[in-house]
Each structure stands twice: as C-alpha cells, then as structure tokens.
Amino acid sequence: MPVVYHAPMKSRWAHVKEEVISLRQEGASMNEIEARFGVPKSTQNSWFWKIELPEEARAILRQKKKGHLIEARKKAVEWHNTEKAKRLEAARISAEKSLSKIDLGGNTALELALAMLYMGEGFKTISTGIGNSDPLILKFFLAAVAKIYGLNTESMRFDLHLRADQKPEDMKAFWSKELGVPLDRFKGIFVDKRTIGRETYPTYKGVCLITCGNVAIQRKLVYLSRAFCNKILGGQDSNMRA
C-alpha cells in the first residue's frame, strides 16, 4: 500500500504565536496572555520553553507574581473575616434563642449562674469573694449578690493585682469607673515583681479582687454549684443505665 503522508495539524492559535512570544519577552504573564488571546497555558509552555527571557522581563514577572500573592492573601483575609462574621452572627442568634427560654424574672436562674461562675472564679476559703481581669464578670457578680443577698459595695473590699509597669492610680481610676465604686474602696495594691522589665498590653488593666466577708454566701454558692453538677451527672448516668 502507498504511504500516505499527513501534514502536522496547525495550531488554532498559530496566527498569534509571534505576537504572544513578543509579549512574553516584554514581561506579559501567562494569565494575561490567556485572558487576551485564549491561548491555554499548555500551549504557551510549548512555545516558551526554549525562549530566554531578558532580565527586565523576568523582573516584571517577579513583581507581578508578588502583587498577585499580596492580592490573593488580601482576598483570603477578607473571605476569612466574612465567614467568621457569619459564624459569630449565627452563634449570637443561637445564644439569644437559648436565653429567651430562661425565666429571668426571679432569682433562681440568677443564683445558679452566680454559683457556676463562683465555682470557677470565686474564693473557696475564708470569705466570699472573686477576682478577675474582666470588668463584665465583676459587674455581674456585684449585681447578682446585690439582687439575691442584698449586699452593697459599702460592705466590700476592693484590691488590685497589677504588673510592674502599670500605674496604680490610673488602674484604680479605671476600675472605679467600670464598677461604679468610689476610689476610697480600693484598699490594697499588689505588684507582681516577676513582670519587671516586661511591657503590658494596653488592654490589660490588672486583676481586681472583691471581698464580701460573708462566708455563709460562699458556702452556699460552692454547695449549689457542686450539687448542680452532680445532679446533671447523675441524670446522665441514669439515662445511660436505662
């Protein structure tokens, strides 16, 4: 049989090959070429692999790559922040739904919440008291003991535990304003000497300790919190046995 010769297929982008190569040598990226001419990267690679780019073109491509990386990171951060905001909003809505099911009119739920807080943060010996660096937690404590037990700040002692570079008078003013307590209620200032020479974050205002002096309240809160935990655990055990 006679041998049939088949001419090699001509690329559909052959008519732009020279222009594309010229642009590449001027520093055009493969993405830019594909967007402009539709030439896929696989075809471009077959055209470019023997081409030696001048240093100026390589510098342009490096700069473009750097810019693309910066833009990609920026978009990634924006996406992450958007998704985080969605998750936080979903958590807020879920928390609001749960809170709406709780009877906040009486003291039962409030005292249980106080007991659970006290289990983690409260003084366990000598007297009733709590220490924390979060003003919200301490404001809740003051409001709860006032509503449930009739305690007021006039019967309490306030002390501050600070880092070495914190100014006592400034910290007293901060906590006085946050808690709505007169400056003269702050009795002790204790400085942690281990922090000498170490800078403190501006948002950290030390730890404020509140002491009530009524050990009977401390005993009830400790017993209530532990009894509640044991009751929940007991309920779970009985369900598992069933």
C-alpha atoms as a PDB file:
ATOM      1  CA  MET A   1       0.000   0.000   0.000  1.00  0.00           C
ATOM      2  CA  PRO A   2       1.244   3.509  -0.713  1.00  0.00           C
ATOM      3  CA  VAL A   3       2.356   5.515   2.297  1.00  0.00           C
ATOM      4  CA  VAL A   4       0.007   8.386   2.999  1.00  0.00           C
ATOM      5  CA  TYR A   5       1.677  11.478   4.397  1.00  0.00           C
ATOM      6  CA  HIS A   6      -0.313  13.543   6.878  1.00  0.00           C
ATOM      7  CA  ALA A   7       0.817  17.093   7.365  1.00  0.00           C
ATOM      8  CA  PRO A   8       1.044  18.095  11.037  1.00  0.00           C
ATOM      9  CA  MET A   9      -2.069  19.819  12.358  1.00  0.00           C
ATOM     10  CA  LYS A  10      -1.775  23.539  12.512  1.00  0.00           C
ATOM     11  CA  SER A  11      -2.466  25.058  15.931  1.00  0.00           C
ATOM     12  CA  ARG A  12      -5.620  27.120  16.069  1.00  0.00           C
ATOM     13  CA  TRP A  13      -3.558  29.855  17.755  1.00  0.00           C
ATOM     14  CA  ALA A  14      -0.678  29.779  15.273  1.00  0.00           C
ATOM     15  CA  HIS A  15      -1.659  33.144  13.882  1.00  0.00           C
ATOM     16  CA  VAL A  16      -0.966  34.854  17.210  1.00  0.00           C
ATOM     17  CA  LYS A  17       2.134  32.865  18.179  1.00  0.00           C
ATOM     18  CA  GLU A  18       4.674  35.508  17.224  1.00  0.00           C
ATOM     19  CA  GLU A  19       2.719  38.266  18.940  1.00  0.00           C
ATOM     20  CA  VAL A  20       2.312  36.149  22.076  1.00  0.00           C
ATOM     21  CA  ILE A  21       6.034  35.350  22.219  1.00  0.00           C
ATOM     22  CA  SER A  22       6.857  39.019  21.756  1.00  0.00           C
ATOM     23  CA  LEU A  23       4.546  39.979  24.620  1.00  0.00           C
ATOM     24  CA  ARG A  24       6.058  37.279  26.810  1.00  0.00           C
ATOM     25  CA  GLN A  25       9.531  38.685  26.192  1.00  0.00           C
ATOM     26  CA  GLU A  26       8.208  42.070  27.301  1.00  0.00           C
ATOM     27  CA  GLY A  27       7.030  40.616  30.625  1.00  0.00           C
ATOM     28  CA  ALA A  28       3.415  39.551  29.930  1.00  0.00           C
ATOM     29  CA  SER A  29       2.205  36.811  32.264  1.00  0.00           C
ATOM     30  CA  MET A  30       0.652  33.591  31.035  1.00  0.00           C
ATOM     31  CA  ASN A  31      -2.624  34.554  32.705  1.00  0.00           C
ATOM     32  CA  GLU A  32      -2.638  37.867  30.849  1.00  0.00           C
ATOM     33  CA  ILE A  33      -1.934  36.137  27.523  1.00  0.00           C
ATOM     34  CA  GLU A  34      -4.654  33.543  28.095  1.00  0.00           C
ATOM     35  CA  ALA A  35      -7.171  36.249  29.000  1.00  0.00           C
ATOM     36  CA  ARG A  36      -6.327  38.293  25.913  1.00  0.00           C
ATOM     37  CA  PHE A  37      -5.882  35.608  23.228  1.00  0.00           C
ATOM     38  CA  GLY A  38      -7.455  32.486  24.735  1.00  0.00           C
ATOM     39  CA  VAL A  39      -4.223  30.527  24.349  1.00  0.00           C
ATOM     40  CA  PRO A  40      -4.133  27.868  27.089  1.00  0.00           C
ATOM     41  CA  LYS A  41      -1.105  27.607  29.360  1.00  0.00           C
ATOM     42  CA  SER A  42      -0.222  24.172  27.981  1.00  0.00           C
ATOM     43  CA  THR A  43       0.205  25.682  24.510  1.00  0.00           C
ATOM     44  CA  GLN A  44       2.104  28.648  25.889  1.00  0.00           C
ATOM     45  CA  ASN A  45       4.508  26.304  27.685  1.00  0.00           C
ATOM     46  CA  SER A  46       5.263  24.541  24.398  1.00  0.00           C
ATOM     47  CA  TRP A  47       6.038  27.924  22.845  1.00  0.00           C
ATOM     48  CA  PHE A  48       8.049  29.421  25.678  1.00  0.00           C
ATOM     49  CA  TRP A  49      10.247  26.612  26.993  1.00  0.00           C
ATOM     50  CA  LYS A  50      13.147  27.414  24.671  1.00  0.00           C
ATOM     51  CA  ILE A  51      12.819  31.177  24.995  1.00  0.00           C
ATOM     52  CA  GLU A  52      15.358  33.008  27.179  1.00  0.00           C
ATOM     53  CA  LEU A  53      13.622  35.974  28.766  1.00  0.00           C
ATOM     54  CA  PRO A  54      15.617  39.177  29.244  1.00  0.00           C
ATOM     55  CA  GLU A  55      16.272  40.216  32.837  1.00  0.00           C
ATOM     56  CA  GLU A  56      13.864  43.151  32.534  1.00  0.00           C
ATOM     57  CA  ALA A  57      11.008  40.793  31.604  1.00  0.00           C
ATOM     58  CA  ARG A  58      11.866  38.442  34.463  1.00  0.00           C
ATOM     59  CA  ALA A  59      11.849  41.384  36.883  1.00  0.00           C
ATOM     60  CA  ILE A  60       8.412  42.439  35.612  1.00  0.00           C
ATOM     61  CA  LEU A  61       7.077  38.887  36.048  1.00  0.00           C
ATOM     62  CA  ARG A  62       8.511  38.646  39.567  1.00  0.00           C
ATOM     63  CA  GLN A  63       6.818  41.908  40.504  1.00  0.00           C
ATOM     64  CA  LYS A  64       3.514  40.728  39.047  1.00  0.00           C
ATOM     65  CA  LYS A  65       3.768  37.445  40.933  1.00  0.00           C
ATOM     66  CA  LYS A  66       4.446  39.329  44.157  1.00  0.00           C
ATOM     67  CA  GLY A  67       1.439  41.565  43.504  1.00  0.00           C
ATOM     68  CA  HIS A  68      -0.777  38.553  42.801  1.00  0.00           C
ATOM     69  CA  LEU A  69       0.337  36.917  46.059  1.00  0.00           C
ATOM     70  CA  ILE A  70      -0.437  40.059  48.039  1.00  0.00           C
ATOM     71  CA  GLU A  71      -3.849  40.337  46.381  1.00  0.00           C
ATOM     72  CA  ALA A  72      -4.541  36.638  46.983  1.00  0.00           C
ATOM     73  CA  ARG A  73      -3.650  36.983  50.661  1.00  0.00           C
ATOM     74  CA  LYS A  74      -5.847  40.079  50.921  1.00  0.00           C
ATOM     75  CA  LYS A  75      -8.797  38.224  49.392  1.00  0.00           C
ATOM     76  CA  ALA A  76      -8.163  35.247  51.678  1.00  0.00           C
ATOM     77  CA  VAL A  77      -8.240  37.508  54.746  1.00  0.00           C
ATOM     78  CA  GLU A  78     -11.434  39.192  53.525  1.00  0.00           C
ATOM     79  CA  TRP A  79     -13.060  35.802  52.935  1.00  0.00           C
ATOM     80  CA  HIS A  80     -11.959  34.539  56.349  1.00  0.00           C
ATOM     81  CA  ASN A  81     -13.297  37.667  58.078  1.00  0.00           C
ATOM     82  CA  THR A  82     -16.611  37.412  56.221  1.00  0.00           C
ATOM     83  CA  GLU A  83     -17.023  33.747  57.140  1.00  0.00           C
ATOM     84  CA  LYS A  84     -16.029  34.445  60.744  1.00  0.00           C
ATOM     85  CA  ALA A  85     -18.605  37.233  60.934  1.00  0.00           C
ATOM     86  CA  LYS A  86     -21.260  34.809  59.680  1.00  0.00           C
ATOM     87  CA  ARG A  87     -20.311  32.217  62.309  1.00  0.00           C
ATOM     88  CA  LEU A  88     -20.319  34.827  65.066  1.00  0.00           C
ATOM     89  CA  GLU A  89     -23.742  36.076  63.995  1.00  0.00           C
ATOM     90  CA  ALA A  90     -25.079  32.510  63.934  1.00  0.00           C
ATOM     91  CA  ALA A  91     -23.695  31.972  67.446  1.00  0.00           C
ATOM     92  CA  ARG A  92     -25.305  35.214  68.655  1.00  0.00           C
ATOM     93  CA  ILE A  93     -28.709  34.252  67.251  1.00  0.00           C
ATOM     94  CA  SER A  94     -28.458  30.778  68.776  1.00  0.00           C
ATOM     95  CA  ALA A  95     -27.491  32.245  72.156  1.00  0.00           C
ATOM     96  CA  GLU A  96     -30.393  34.718  72.040  1.00  0.00           C
ATOM     97  CA  LYS A  97     -32.822  31.858  71.357  1.00  0.00           C
ATOM     98  CA  SER A  98     -31.491  29.894  74.321  1.00  0.00           C
ATOM     99  CA  LEU A  99     -31.634  32.953  76.568  1.00  0.00           C
ATOM    100  CA  SER A 100     -35.239  33.644  75.569  1.00  0.00           C
ATOM    101  CA  LYS A 101     -36.257  30.266  77.033  1.00  0.00           C
ATOM    102  CA  ILE A 102     -34.907  31.091  80.501  1.00  0.00           C
ATOM    103  CA  ASP A 103     -37.074  32.759  83.135  1.00  0.00           C
ATOM    104  CA  LEU A 104     -35.044  35.784  84.170  1.00  0.00           C
ATOM    105  CA  GLY A 105     -37.793  37.307  86.292  1.00  0.00           C
ATOM    106  CA  GLY A 106     -36.843  35.591  89.558  1.00  0.00           C
ATOM    107  CA  ASN A 107     -33.605  34.797  91.335  1.00  0.00           C
ATOM    108  CA  THR A 108     -33.421  31.055  90.643  1.00  0.00           C
ATOM    109  CA  ALA A 109     -31.601  31.214  87.313  1.00  0.00           C
ATOM    110  CA  LEU A 110     -29.517  34.175  88.500  1.00  0.00           C
ATOM    111  CA  GLU A 111     -28.319  32.381  91.635  1.00  0.00           C
ATOM    112  CA  LEU A 112     -27.455  29.243  89.672  1.00  0.00           C
ATOM    113  CA  ALA A 113     -25.494  31.310  87.141  1.00  0.00           C
ATOM    114  CA  LEU A 114     -23.704  33.058  90.014  1.00  0.00           C
ATOM    115  CA  ALA A 115     -22.914  29.705  91.646  1.00  0.00           C
ATOM    116  CA  MET A 116     -21.405  28.310  88.439  1.00  0.00           C
ATOM    117  CA  LEU A 117     -19.339  31.462  87.977  1.00  0.00           C
ATOM    118  CA  TYR A 118     -18.243  31.241  91.597  1.00  0.00           C
ATOM    119  CA  MET A 119     -17.238  27.601  91.151  1.00  0.00           C
ATOM    120  CA  GLY A 120     -14.654  28.686  88.612  1.00  0.00           C
ATOM    121  CA  GLU A 121     -13.572  32.140  89.789  1.00  0.00           C
ATOM    122  CA  GLY A 122     -14.646  32.639  93.410  1.00  0.00           C
ATOM    123  CA  PHE A 123     -12.709  32.369  96.672  1.00  0.00           C
ATOM    124  CA  LYS A 124     -13.107  28.906  98.215  1.00  0.00           C
ATOM    125  CA  THR A 125     -11.911  29.667 101.753  1.00  0.00           C
ATOM    126  CA  ILE A 126     -12.219  32.302 104.492  1.00  0.00           C
ATOM    127  CA  SER A 127     -14.742  34.635 102.845  1.00  0.00           C
ATOM    128  CA  THR A 128     -16.959  35.330  99.855  1.00  0.00           C
ATOM    129  CA  GLY A 129     -15.068  36.979  97.028  1.00  0.00           C
ATOM    130  CA  ILE A 130     -13.955  36.848  93.430  1.00  0.00           C
ATOM    131  CA  GLY A 131     -11.077  38.086  91.314  1.00  0.00           C
ATOM    132  CA  ASN A 132     -10.948  38.714  87.583  1.00  0.00           C
ATOM    133  CA  SER A 133      -9.479  40.917  84.867  1.00  0.00           C
ATOM    134  CA  ASP A 134     -12.803  41.212  83.012  1.00  0.00           C
ATOM    135  CA  PRO A 135     -14.973  44.093  84.279  1.00  0.00           C
ATOM    136  CA  LEU A 136     -18.132  42.441  82.898  1.00  0.00           C
ATOM    137  CA  ILE A 137     -17.685  39.397  85.129  1.00  0.00           C
ATOM    138  CA  LEU A 138     -17.176  41.530  88.224  1.00  0.00           C
ATOM    139  CA  LYS A 139     -20.122  43.801  87.375  1.00  0.00           C
ATOM    140  CA  PHE A 140     -22.303  40.713  87.044  1.00  0.00           C
ATOM    141  CA  PHE A 141     -21.054  39.468  90.427  1.00  0.00           C
ATOM    142  CA  LEU A 142     -21.861  42.777  92.110  1.00  0.00           C
ATOM    143  CA  ALA A 143     -25.316  42.968  90.516  1.00  0.00           C
ATOM    144  CA  ALA A 144     -26.116  39.356  91.396  1.00  0.00           C
ATOM    145  CA  VAL A 145     -25.117  39.493  95.077  1.00  0.00           C
ATOM    146  CA  ALA A 146     -26.966  42.803  95.427  1.00  0.00           C
ATOM    147  CA  LYS A 147     -30.200  41.407  93.974  1.00  0.00           C
ATOM    148  CA  ILE A 148     -30.072  37.981  95.638  1.00  0.00           C
ATOM    149  CA  TYR A 149     -28.459  38.705  99.005  1.00  0.00           C
ATOM    150  CA  GLY A 150     -28.880  42.454  99.404  1.00  0.00           C
ATOM    151  CA  LEU A 151     -25.133  43.135  99.530  1.00  0.00           C
ATOM    152  CA  ASN A 152     -23.787  46.539  98.520  1.00  0.00           C
ATOM    153  CA  THR A 153     -20.302  47.784  97.761  1.00  0.00           C
ATOM    154  CA  GLU A 154     -20.075  49.670 101.069  1.00  0.00           C
ATOM    155  CA  SER A 155     -19.547  46.337 102.832  1.00  0.00           C
ATOM    156  CA  MET A 156     -16.919  45.120 100.356  1.00  0.00           C
ATOM    157  CA  ARG A 157     -13.184  45.483  99.948  1.00  0.00           C
ATOM    158  CA  PHE A 158     -11.526  46.031  96.569  1.00  0.00           C
ATOM    159  CA  ASP A 159      -7.874  45.179  95.871  1.00  0.00           C
ATOM    160  CA  LEU A 160      -5.806  45.314  92.695  1.00  0.00           C
ATOM    161  CA  HIS A 161      -3.087  42.962  91.491  1.00  0.00           C
ATOM    162  CA  LEU A 162      -1.008  44.783  88.873  1.00  0.00           C
ATOM    163  CA  ARG A 163       2.013  44.338  86.667  1.00  0.00           C
ATOM    164  CA  ALA A 164       5.182  46.325  87.349  1.00  0.00           C
ATOM    165  CA  ASP A 165       4.722  48.907  84.583  1.00  0.00           C
ATOM    166  CA  GLN A 166       1.106  49.742  85.459  1.00  0.00           C
ATOM    167  CA  LYS A 167       0.370  52.969  87.344  1.00  0.00           C
ATOM    168  CA  PRO A 168      -1.713  52.209  90.459  1.00  0.00           C
ATOM    169  CA  GLU A 169      -3.649  55.479  90.393  1.00  0.00           C
ATOM    170  CA  ASP A 170      -4.609  55.003  86.745  1.00  0.00           C
ATOM    171  CA  MET A 171      -5.724  51.438  87.361  1.00  0.00           C
ATOM    172  CA  LYS A 172      -7.743  52.467  90.423  1.00  0.00           C
ATOM    173  CA  ALA A 173      -9.464  55.128  88.339  1.00  0.00           C
ATOM    174  CA  PHE A 174     -10.234  52.560  85.625  1.00  0.00           C
ATOM    175  CA  TRP A 175     -11.773  50.001  87.975  1.00  0.00           C
ATOM    176  CA  SER A 176     -13.580  52.670  89.991  1.00  0.00           C
ATOM    177  CA  LYS A 177     -15.311  53.901  86.838  1.00  0.00           C
ATOM    178  CA  GLU A 178     -16.027  50.416  85.458  1.00  0.00           C
ATOM    179  CA  LEU A 179     -17.527  49.049  88.671  1.00  0.00           C
ATOM    180  CA  GLY A 180     -19.139  52.261  89.883  1.00  0.00           C
ATOM    181  CA  VAL A 181     -17.205  52.102  93.145  1.00  0.00           C
ATOM    182  CA  PRO A 182     -15.620  55.111  94.923  1.00  0.00           C
ATOM    183  CA  LEU A 183     -11.840  55.315  94.796  1.00  0.00           C
ATOM    184  CA  ASP A 184     -11.546  55.040  98.587  1.00  0.00           C
ATOM    185  CA  ARG A 185     -12.995  51.494  98.441  1.00  0.00           C
ATOM    186  CA  PHE A 186      -9.750  50.268  96.864  1.00  0.00           C
ATOM    187  CA  LYS A 187      -7.527  49.283  99.754  1.00  0.00           C
ATOM    188  CA  GLY A 188      -4.628  47.159  98.528  1.00  0.00           C
ATOM    189  CA  ILE A 189      -2.304  47.427  95.540  1.00  0.00           C
ATOM    190  CA  PHE A 190      -0.140  44.366  94.918  1.00  0.00           C
ATOM    191  CA  VAL A 191       2.549  44.464  92.206  1.00  0.00           C
ATOM    192  CA  ASP A 192       3.905  41.321  90.596  1.00  0.00           C
ATOM    193  CA  LYS A 193       7.674  41.824  90.658  1.00  0.00           C
ATOM    194  CA  ARG A 194       8.133  38.975  88.185  1.00  0.00           C
ATOM    195  CA  THR A 195       6.836  41.336  85.472  1.00  0.00           C
ATOM    196  CA  ILE A 196       9.564  43.958  85.920  1.00  0.00           C
ATOM    197  CA  GLY A 197      11.000  44.883  82.526  1.00  0.00           C
ATOM    198  CA  ARG A 198       8.131  43.295  80.606  1.00  0.00           C
ATOM    199  CA  GLU A 199       5.673  45.516  78.752  1.00  0.00           C
ATOM    200  CA  THR A 200       1.954  45.141  79.466  1.00  0.00           C
ATOM    201  CA  TYR A 201      -0.699  45.157  76.752  1.00  0.00           C
ATOM    202  CA  PRO A 202      -2.711  48.418  76.883  1.00  0.00           C
ATOM    203  CA  THR A 203      -5.997  46.498  77.166  1.00  0.00           C
ATOM    204  CA  TYR A 204      -4.909  44.644  80.302  1.00  0.00           C
ATOM    205  CA  LYS A 205      -5.875  46.533  83.461  1.00  0.00           C
ATOM    206  CA  GLY A 206      -4.750  44.069  86.077  1.00  0.00           C
ATOM    207  CA  VAL A 207      -6.888  41.842  88.275  1.00  0.00           C
ATOM    208  CA  CYS A 208      -9.473  43.285  90.631  1.00  0.00           C
ATOM    209  CA  LEU A 209     -10.379  41.301  93.752  1.00  0.00           C
ATOM    210  CA  ILE A 210     -13.701  41.832  95.505  1.00  0.00           C
ATOM    211  CA  THR A 211     -14.099  40.541  99.053  1.00  0.00           C
ATOM    212  CA  CYS A 212     -17.505  40.498 100.764  1.00  0.00           C
ATOM    213  CA  GLY A 213     -16.582  38.976 104.090  1.00  0.00           C
ATOM    214  CA  ASN A 214     -19.756  36.867 104.376  1.00  0.00           C
ATOM    215  CA  VAL A 215     -18.591  33.253 104.420  1.00  0.00           C
ATOM    216  CA  ALA A 216     -22.164  31.909 104.510  1.00  0.00           C
ATOM    217  CA  ILE A 217     -22.769  33.079 100.921  1.00  0.00           C
ATOM    218  CA  GLN A 218     -19.538  31.458  99.772  1.00  0.00           C
ATOM    219  CA  ARG A 219     -20.563  28.146 101.336  1.00  0.00           C
ATOM    220  CA  LYS A 220     -23.975  28.199  99.689  1.00  0.00           C
ATOM    221  CA  LEU A 221     -22.595  29.056  96.257  1.00  0.00           C
ATOM    222  CA  VAL A 222     -19.964  26.317  96.442  1.00  0.00           C
ATOM    223  CA  TYR A 223     -22.509  23.708  97.565  1.00  0.00           C
ATOM    224  CA  LEU A 224     -25.057  24.851  94.972  1.00  0.00           C
ATOM    225  CA  SER A 225     -22.613  24.662  92.079  1.00  0.00           C
ATOM    226  CA  ARG A 226     -21.302  21.242  93.038  1.00  0.00           C
ATOM    227  CA  ALA A 227     -24.770  19.867  93.748  1.00  0.00           C
ATOM    228  CA  PHE A 228     -25.968  21.075  90.350  1.00  0.00           C
ATOM    229  CA  CYS A 229     -23.029  19.410  88.579  1.00  0.00           C
ATOM    230  CA  ASN A 230     -23.574  16.151  90.464  1.00  0.00           C
ATOM    231  CA  LYS A 231     -27.299  16.210  89.691  1.00  0.00           C
ATOM    232  CA  ILE A 232     -26.616  16.667  85.982  1.00  0.00           C
ATOM    233  CA  LEU A 233     -24.017  13.907  86.015  1.00  0.00           C
ATOM    234  CA  GLY A 234     -26.330  11.658  87.980  1.00  0.00           C
ATOM    235  CA  GLY A 235     -29.094  12.248  85.466  1.00  0.00           C
ATOM    236  CA  GLN A 236     -26.771  11.347  82.621  1.00  0.00           C
ATOM    237  CA  ASP A 237     -25.643   8.177  84.418  1.00  0.00           C
ATOM    238  CA  SER A 238     -29.237   7.012  84.959  1.00  0.00           C
ATOM    239  CA  ASN A 239     -30.068   7.628  81.326  1.00  0.00           C
ATOM    240  CA  MET A 240     -27.046   5.619  80.230  1.00  0.00           C
ATOM    241  CA  ARG A 241     -28.011   2.720  82.525  1.00  0.00           C
ATOM    242  CA  ALA A 242     -31.521   2.734  81.131  1.00  0.00           C
END
